[in-house]
C-alpha atoms as a PDB file:
ATOM      1  CA  MET A   1     123.006  10.031 154.988  1.00  0.00           C
ATOM      2  CA  LYS A   2     119.135  10.472 155.423  1.00  0.00           C
ATOM      3  CA  LEU A   3     118.671  13.681 157.466  1.00  0.00           C
ATOM      4  CA  ARG A   4     115.138  14.553 158.744  1.00  0.00           C
ATOM      5  CA  ASP A   5     114.019  17.338 161.022  1.00  0.00           C
ATOM      6  CA  VAL A   6     112.559  15.769 164.235  1.00  0.00           C
ATOM      7  CA  GLU A   7     110.471  17.760 166.726  1.00  0.00           C
ATOM      8  CA  ASP A   8     110.697  16.626 170.507  1.00  0.00           C
ATOM      9  CA  THR A   9     107.051  16.106 171.594  1.00  0.00           C
ATOM     10  CA  VAL A  10     107.848  17.196 175.168  1.00  0.00           C
ATOM     11  CA  THR A  11     110.095  20.288 174.670  1.00  0.00           C
ATOM     12  CA  GLY A  12     109.005  21.204 171.139  1.00  0.00           C
ATOM     13  CA  GLN A  13     112.695  21.576 170.123  1.00  0.00           C
ATOM     14  CA  LYS A  14     113.606  20.526 166.758  1.00  0.00           C
ATOM     15  CA  GLU A  15     116.814  18.512 165.892  1.00  0.00           C
ATOM     16  CA  ARG A  16     118.221  17.204 162.583  1.00  0.00           C
ATOM     17  CA  ILE A  17     118.895  13.455 162.972  1.00  0.00           C
ATOM     18  CA  ASP A  18     120.299  10.873 160.636  1.00  0.00           C
ATOM     19  CA  LEU A  19     117.672   8.281 160.105  1.00  0.00           C
ATOM     20  CA  GLN A  20     120.047   5.547 158.942  1.00  0.00           C
ATOM     21  CA  ALA A  21     122.089   6.248 162.235  1.00  0.00           C
ATOM     22  CA  VAL A  22     118.716   5.664 163.971  1.00  0.00           C
ATOM     23  CA  ALA A  23     117.896   2.393 162.139  1.00  0.00           C
ATOM     24  CA  ILE A  24     121.072   0.697 162.786  1.00  0.00           C
ATOM     25  CA  GLY A  25     121.219   1.837 166.391  1.00  0.00           C
ATOM     26  CA  THR A  26     124.345   4.053 166.345  1.00  0.00           C
ATOM     27  CA  TYR A  27     122.461   7.329 166.948  1.00  0.00           C
ATOM     28  CA  GLN A  28     121.645   7.496 170.694  1.00  0.00           C
ATOM     29  CA  PRO A  29     121.552  11.004 172.239  1.00  0.00           C
ATOM     30  CA  VAL A  30     118.234  10.045 174.006  1.00  0.00           C
ATOM     31  CA  GLU A  31     116.862   7.176 175.704  1.00  0.00           C
ATOM     32  CA  TYR A  32     113.698   6.654 173.527  1.00  0.00           C
ATOM     33  CA  VAL A  33     111.611   8.516 170.978  1.00  0.00           C
ATOM     34  CA  VAL A  34     108.016   8.710 170.689  1.00  0.00           C
ATOM     35  CA  ILE A  35     106.589   8.504 167.152  1.00  0.00           C
ATOM     36  CA  GLU A  36     103.284   9.022 165.560  1.00  0.00           C
ATOM     37  CA  SER A  37     102.904   6.383 163.007  1.00  0.00           C
ATOM     38  CA  LYS A  38     101.206   7.274 159.567  1.00  0.00           C
ATOM     39  CA  LEU A  39     101.128   3.418 158.882  1.00  0.00           C
ATOM     40  CA  LEU A  40      99.206   2.752 162.016  1.00  0.00           C
ATOM     41  CA  ASP A  41      96.802   5.647 161.638  1.00  0.00           C
ATOM     42  CA  GLY A  42      98.538   7.995 163.927  1.00  0.00           C
ATOM     43  CA  GLU A  43      98.856   5.634 166.735  1.00  0.00           C
ATOM     44  CA  LYS A  44     102.091   6.357 168.753  1.00  0.00           C
ATOM     45  CA  VAL A  45     104.944   3.941 169.364  1.00  0.00           C
ATOM     46  CA  ILE A  46     108.140   4.143 171.043  1.00  0.00           C
ATOM     47  CA  LEU A  47     111.516   3.497 169.602  1.00  0.00           C
ATOM     48  CA  ALA A  48     113.770   2.602 172.599  1.00  0.00           C
ATOM     49  CA  PHE A  49     117.580   2.494 172.347  1.00  0.00           C
ATOM     50  CA  GLU A  50     118.335   0.461 175.543  1.00  0.00           C
ATOM     51  CA  LYS A  51     116.890  -2.717 176.538  1.00  0.00           C
ATOM     52  CA  ARG A  52     117.424  -1.874 180.114  1.00  0.00           C
ATOM     53  CA  SER A  53     114.727   0.991 179.659  1.00  0.00           C
ATOM     54  CA  LEU A  54     112.045  -1.460 178.889  1.00  0.00           C
ATOM     55  CA  LYS A  55     110.554  -2.056 182.260  1.00  0.00           C
ATOM     56  CA  LYS A  56     110.382   1.729 183.081  1.00  0.00           C
ATOM     57  CA  LEU A  57     108.970   2.445 179.638  1.00  0.00           C
ATOM     58  CA  ARG A  58     106.161  -0.077 180.018  1.00  0.00           C
ATOM     59  CA  GLN A  59     105.286   1.450 183.246  1.00  0.00           C
ATOM     60  CA  GLN A  60     105.454   4.992 181.966  1.00  0.00           C
ATOM     61  CA  PHE A  61     103.676   4.232 178.805  1.00  0.00           C
ATOM     62  CA  PRO A  62     101.499   1.210 179.422  1.00  0.00           C
ATOM     63  CA  ASN A  63      99.372   1.452 176.172  1.00  0.00           C
ATOM     64  CA  ILE A  64     102.226   2.327 173.722  1.00  0.00           C
ATOM     65  CA  VAL A  65     104.158  -0.506 171.874  1.00  0.00           C
ATOM     66  CA  ILE A  66     107.853  -0.421 172.384  1.00  0.00           C
ATOM     67  CA  TYR A  67     110.153  -1.129 169.487  1.00  0.00           C
ATOM     68  CA  PHE A  68     114.016  -1.480 169.417  1.00  0.00           C
ATOM     69  CA  PRO A  69     116.155  -0.749 166.393  1.00  0.00           C
ATOM     70  CA  PRO A  70     116.713  -4.331 165.233  1.00  0.00           C
ATOM     71  CA  GLU A  71     112.908  -4.785 165.109  1.00  0.00           C
ATOM     72  CA  ILE A  72     112.430  -1.578 163.091  1.00  0.00           C
ATOM     73  CA  ILE A  73     115.085  -2.769 160.575  1.00  0.00           C
ATOM     74  CA  GLU A  74     113.183  -6.283 160.368  1.00  0.00           C
ATOM     75  CA  LEU A  75     109.830  -4.368 159.624  1.00  0.00           C
ATOM     76  CA  TYR A  76     111.415  -2.225 157.077  1.00  0.00           C
ATOM     77  CA  GLN A  77     112.203  -5.385 154.998  1.00  0.00           C
ATOM     78  CA  HIS A  78     108.417  -5.667 154.592  1.00  0.00           C
ATOM     79  CA  LYS A  79     107.950  -2.100 153.869  1.00  0.00           C
ATOM     80  CA  ASP A  80     105.767  -2.723 150.744  1.00  0.00           C
ATOM     81  CA  ASP A  81     103.449  -4.975 152.725  1.00  0.00           C
ATOM     82  CA  LYS A  82     101.697  -2.506 154.915  1.00  0.00           C
ATOM     83  CA  GLU A  83      98.966  -5.026 156.139  1.00  0.00           C
ATOM     84  CA  PHE A  84     101.721  -7.631 157.238  1.00  0.00           C
ATOM     85  CA  ILE A  85     103.372  -4.879 159.146  1.00  0.00           C
ATOM     86  CA  LYS A  86     100.099  -3.946 160.841  1.00  0.00           C
ATOM     87  CA  LYS A  87      99.319  -7.497 161.855  1.00  0.00           C
ATOM     88  CA  ILE A  88     102.881  -7.888 163.244  1.00  0.00           C
ATOM     89  CA  HIS A  89     102.277  -4.694 165.218  1.00  0.00           C
ATOM     90  CA  LEU A  90      98.970  -6.033 166.533  1.00  0.00           C
ATOM     91  CA  VAL A  91     100.589  -9.130 167.771  1.00  0.00           C
ATOM     92  CA  LYS A  92     103.327  -7.321 169.376  1.00  0.00           C
ATOM     93  CA  LYS A  93     100.685  -4.832 171.049  1.00  0.00           C
ATOM     94  CA  ASN A  94      98.721  -7.577 172.327  1.00  0.00           C
ATOM     95  CA  PHE A  95     101.318 -10.053 173.659  1.00  0.00           C
ATOM     96  CA  LYS A  96     104.280  -7.585 174.154  1.00  0.00           C
ATOM     97  CA  GLY A  97     106.572  -9.845 172.419  1.00  0.00           C
ATOM     98  CA  TRP A  98     109.715  -9.340 170.414  1.00  0.00           C
ATOM     99  CA  ILE A  99     110.231  -9.359 166.569  1.00  0.00           C
ATOM    100  CA  VAL A 100     112.914 -11.840 165.788  1.00  0.00           C
ATOM    101  CA  PRO A 101     114.773 -11.294 162.574  1.00  0.00           C
ATOM    102  CA  LYS A 102     114.747 -14.204 159.930  1.00  0.00           C
ATOM    103  CA  ARG A 103     118.087 -16.146 160.394  1.00  0.00           C
ATOM    104  CA  LYS A 104     120.399 -16.146 157.445  1.00  0.00           C
ATOM    105  CA  GLY A 105     120.388 -18.983 154.942  1.00  0.00           C
ATOM    106  CA  GLY A 106     116.998 -20.396 155.846  1.00  0.00           C
ATOM    107  CA  SER A 107     113.706 -20.557 157.707  1.00  0.00           C
ATOM    108  CA  ASN A 108     113.134 -20.843 161.338  1.00  0.00           C
ATOM    109  CA  ASN A 109     110.022 -21.220 163.533  1.00  0.00           C
ATOM    110  CA  GLY A 110     110.067 -17.551 164.313  1.00  0.00           C
ATOM    111  CA  ASP A 111     110.492 -16.182 160.826  1.00  0.00           C
ATOM    112  CA  SER A 112     108.263 -13.817 158.949  1.00  0.00           C
ATOM    113  CA  GLU A 113     107.370 -16.371 156.374  1.00  0.00           C
ATOM    114  CA  SER A 114     105.934 -18.822 159.036  1.00  0.00           C
ATOM    115  CA  PHE A 115     103.985 -15.895 160.507  1.00  0.00           C
ATOM    116  CA  LYS A 116     102.481 -15.178 157.003  1.00  0.00           C
ATOM    117  CA  GLN A 117     101.561 -18.844 156.520  1.00  0.00           C
ATOM    118  CA  MET A 118      99.867 -18.971 160.064  1.00  0.00           C
ATOM    119  CA  PHE A 119      97.939 -16.011 159.798  1.00  0.00           C
ATOM    120  CA  GLY A 120      97.021 -16.637 156.078  1.00  0.00           C
ATOM    121  CA  HIS A 121      98.714 -13.656 154.576  1.00  0.00           C
END
């Protein structure tokens, strides 16, 4: 278990959470979490736990990129390639798309290797 103290940006209350449970989507006491990303120079992103919240969150936070736990897991696979993660974020931000994990056992048209080849990374 990886525990971390997290402060609610609205109420200021602190809570200790299990980051691994967040990553795999089993920790869901809230609808979403607003995160200031160090990797993205302090830009705020939202980690949403329920897809049914997407429309409401996009209306409430039109300029903030919304991620879901499987997308965070996929990005974590590239944690050592910060520039690649920034490029993926920029594409998601501009096109409001989804990060589709690479399929087991091979390449697909939406995998990260194809993306790296398209964008010369």
